Amino acid sequence: MVKLTGNYIAVKDTDLQESIELLEEMYNSFMNQDYDCIAARRMNRKRETPIRSFFAR
């Protein structure tokens, strides 16, 4: 069993293909504004194969 400690959690897909560049910006927005949850969504899929983009939709 994994024991989790801390006040916040970030969740990523297990394939780890998403970049983490926005994590700091998301954390700062969470701390400095009145949010209780923050999410990100990929806006384009230019680097993906057509079949992968199809199933993502």
N, C-alpha and C. Protein backbone atom coordinates (compact mmCIF):
# COMPACT_ATOMS: atom_id res chain seq x y z
N MET A 1 0.84 -1.17 0.00
CA MET A 1 0.00 0.00 0.00
C MET A 1 0.89 1.23 0.00
N VAL A 2 0.51 2.22 -0.81
CA VAL A 2 1.25 3.48 -0.89
C VAL A 2 0.59 4.48 0.05
N LYS A 3 1.39 5.08 0.90
CA LYS A 3 0.87 6.12 1.79
C LYS A 3 1.16 7.47 1.15
N LEU A 4 0.10 8.23 0.89
CA LEU A 4 0.25 9.55 0.30
C LEU A 4 0.26 10.60 1.39
N THR A 5 1.19 11.53 1.28
CA THR A 5 1.24 12.65 2.22
C THR A 5 1.29 13.94 1.43
N GLY A 6 0.91 15.02 2.04
CA GLY A 6 0.94 16.32 1.38
C GLY A 6 -0.45 16.90 1.23
N ASN A 7 -0.50 18.10 0.73
CA ASN A 7 -1.77 18.81 0.61
C ASN A 7 -2.34 18.80 -0.80
N TYR A 8 -1.54 18.53 -1.80
CA TYR A 8 -1.97 18.63 -3.19
C TYR A 8 -1.51 17.40 -3.96
N ILE A 9 -2.18 17.13 -5.07
CA ILE A 9 -1.80 16.01 -5.91
C ILE A 9 -1.94 16.43 -7.38
N ALA A 10 -1.02 15.97 -8.20
CA ALA A 10 -1.09 16.17 -9.65
C ALA A 10 -1.20 14.79 -10.29
N VAL A 11 -2.11 14.64 -11.23
CA VAL A 11 -2.35 13.35 -11.87
C VAL A 11 -1.99 13.47 -13.34
N LYS A 12 -1.24 12.48 -13.84
CA LYS A 12 -0.85 12.42 -15.25
C LYS A 12 -1.23 11.07 -15.80
N ASP A 13 -1.37 11.00 -17.13
CA ASP A 13 -1.57 9.70 -17.76
C ASP A 13 -0.33 8.84 -17.56
N THR A 14 -0.52 7.55 -17.55
CA THR A 14 0.61 6.66 -17.28
C THR A 14 1.62 6.59 -18.42
N ASP A 15 1.25 7.02 -19.62
CA ASP A 15 2.22 6.98 -20.72
C ASP A 15 3.22 8.13 -20.63
N LEU A 16 2.99 9.09 -19.75
CA LEU A 16 3.90 10.22 -19.49
C LEU A 16 4.21 11.04 -20.73
N GLN A 17 3.31 11.07 -21.69
CA GLN A 17 3.56 11.84 -22.91
C GLN A 17 3.25 13.32 -22.74
N GLU A 18 2.43 13.67 -21.79
CA GLU A 18 2.12 15.07 -21.57
C GLU A 18 3.33 15.76 -20.94
N SER A 19 3.57 16.97 -21.36
CA SER A 19 4.69 17.72 -20.79
C SER A 19 4.30 18.25 -19.42
N ILE A 20 5.30 18.61 -18.63
CA ILE A 20 5.04 19.11 -17.29
C ILE A 20 5.30 20.61 -17.20
N GLU A 21 5.49 21.28 -18.34
CA GLU A 21 5.80 22.70 -18.32
C GLU A 21 4.71 23.53 -17.64
N LEU A 22 3.46 23.13 -17.77
CA LEU A 22 2.36 23.91 -17.21
C LEU A 22 2.12 23.64 -15.72
N LEU A 23 2.77 22.65 -15.17
CA LEU A 23 2.51 22.28 -13.78
C LEU A 23 2.76 23.44 -12.81
N GLU A 24 3.87 24.15 -12.97
CA GLU A 24 4.16 25.27 -12.09
C GLU A 24 3.13 26.39 -12.25
N GLU A 25 2.76 26.68 -13.51
CA GLU A 25 1.76 27.72 -13.75
C GLU A 25 0.40 27.33 -13.14
N MET A 26 0.05 26.06 -13.27
CA MET A 26 -1.20 25.59 -12.69
C MET A 26 -1.18 25.68 -11.17
N TYR A 27 -0.06 25.30 -10.58
CA TYR A 27 0.08 25.39 -9.12
C TYR A 27 -0.04 26.84 -8.65
N ASN A 28 0.65 27.74 -9.34
CA ASN A 28 0.59 29.16 -8.96
C ASN A 28 -0.82 29.72 -9.09
N SER A 29 -1.54 29.34 -10.14
CA SER A 29 -2.92 29.78 -10.30
C SER A 29 -3.79 29.23 -9.17
N PHE A 30 -3.56 27.99 -8.82
CA PHE A 30 -4.31 27.38 -7.73
C PHE A 30 -4.08 28.11 -6.41
N MET A 31 -2.84 28.46 -6.14
CA MET A 31 -2.50 29.09 -4.87
C MET A 31 -2.91 30.56 -4.81
N ASN A 32 -2.85 31.27 -5.93
CA ASN A 32 -3.05 32.72 -5.93
C ASN A 32 -4.45 33.16 -6.36
N GLN A 33 -5.28 32.24 -6.78
CA GLN A 33 -6.63 32.59 -7.21
C GLN A 33 -7.62 31.68 -6.48
N ASP A 34 -8.88 31.95 -6.65
CA ASP A 34 -9.90 31.22 -5.91
C ASP A 34 -10.35 29.96 -6.65
N TYR A 35 -9.43 29.01 -6.84
CA TYR A 35 -9.76 27.75 -7.49
C TYR A 35 -9.64 26.62 -6.47
N ASP A 36 -10.47 25.58 -6.64
CA ASP A 36 -10.30 24.40 -5.82
C ASP A 36 -9.87 23.19 -6.66
N CYS A 37 -9.84 23.37 -7.98
CA CYS A 37 -9.40 22.31 -8.88
C CYS A 37 -8.95 22.95 -10.19
N ILE A 38 -7.88 22.42 -10.78
CA ILE A 38 -7.37 22.94 -12.05
C ILE A 38 -7.10 21.75 -12.97
N ALA A 39 -7.47 21.88 -14.23
CA ALA A 39 -7.23 20.82 -15.21
C ALA A 39 -6.65 21.44 -16.48
N ALA A 40 -6.00 20.61 -17.27
CA ALA A 40 -5.44 21.05 -18.54
C ALA A 40 -5.95 20.12 -19.64
N ARG A 41 -6.04 20.67 -20.84
CA ARG A 41 -6.49 19.90 -21.98
C ARG A 41 -5.62 20.24 -23.18
N ARG A 42 -5.23 19.24 -23.91
CA ARG A 42 -4.42 19.45 -25.12
C ARG A 42 -5.28 20.13 -26.17
N MET A 43 -4.75 21.21 -26.75
CA MET A 43 -5.51 21.98 -27.72
C MET A 43 -5.28 21.52 -29.16
N ASN A 44 -4.14 20.91 -29.43
CA ASN A 44 -3.93 20.38 -30.77
C ASN A 44 -3.16 19.07 -30.68
N ARG A 45 -3.26 18.30 -31.72
CA ARG A 45 -2.62 16.99 -31.74
C ARG A 45 -1.78 16.85 -33.01
N LYS A 46 -1.06 17.90 -33.35
CA LYS A 46 -0.30 17.93 -34.60
C LYS A 46 0.76 16.84 -34.68
N ARG A 47 1.34 16.45 -33.58
CA ARG A 47 2.43 15.47 -33.60
C ARG A 47 1.95 14.03 -33.50
N GLU A 48 0.65 13.82 -33.41
CA GLU A 48 0.12 12.47 -33.26
C GLU A 48 -0.26 11.87 -34.60
N THR A 49 -0.30 10.56 -34.63
CA THR A 49 -0.78 9.88 -35.83
C THR A 49 -2.29 10.08 -35.94
N PRO A 50 -2.83 10.00 -37.15
CA PRO A 50 -4.28 10.19 -37.32
C PRO A 50 -5.12 9.22 -36.49
N ILE A 51 -4.70 7.98 -36.38
CA ILE A 51 -5.50 7.01 -35.62
C ILE A 51 -5.51 7.35 -34.13
N ARG A 52 -4.41 7.82 -33.60
CA ARG A 52 -4.35 8.20 -32.19
C ARG A 52 -5.23 9.44 -31.93
N SER A 53 -5.22 10.39 -32.85
CA SER A 53 -6.06 11.57 -32.72
C SER A 53 -7.54 11.19 -32.79
N PHE A 54 -7.86 10.25 -33.66
CA PHE A 54 -9.23 9.79 -33.79
C PHE A 54 -9.74 9.22 -32.47
N PHE A 55 -8.97 8.33 -31.86
CA PHE A 55 -9.42 7.70 -30.61
C PHE A 55 -9.39 8.69 -29.43
N ALA A 56 -8.57 9.69 -29.50
CA ALA A 56 -8.54 10.71 -28.44
C ALA A 56 -9.81 11.55 -28.45
N ARG A 57 -10.38 11.75 -29.63
CA ARG A 57 -11.63 12.52 -29.72
C ARG A 57 -12.76 11.71 -29.15
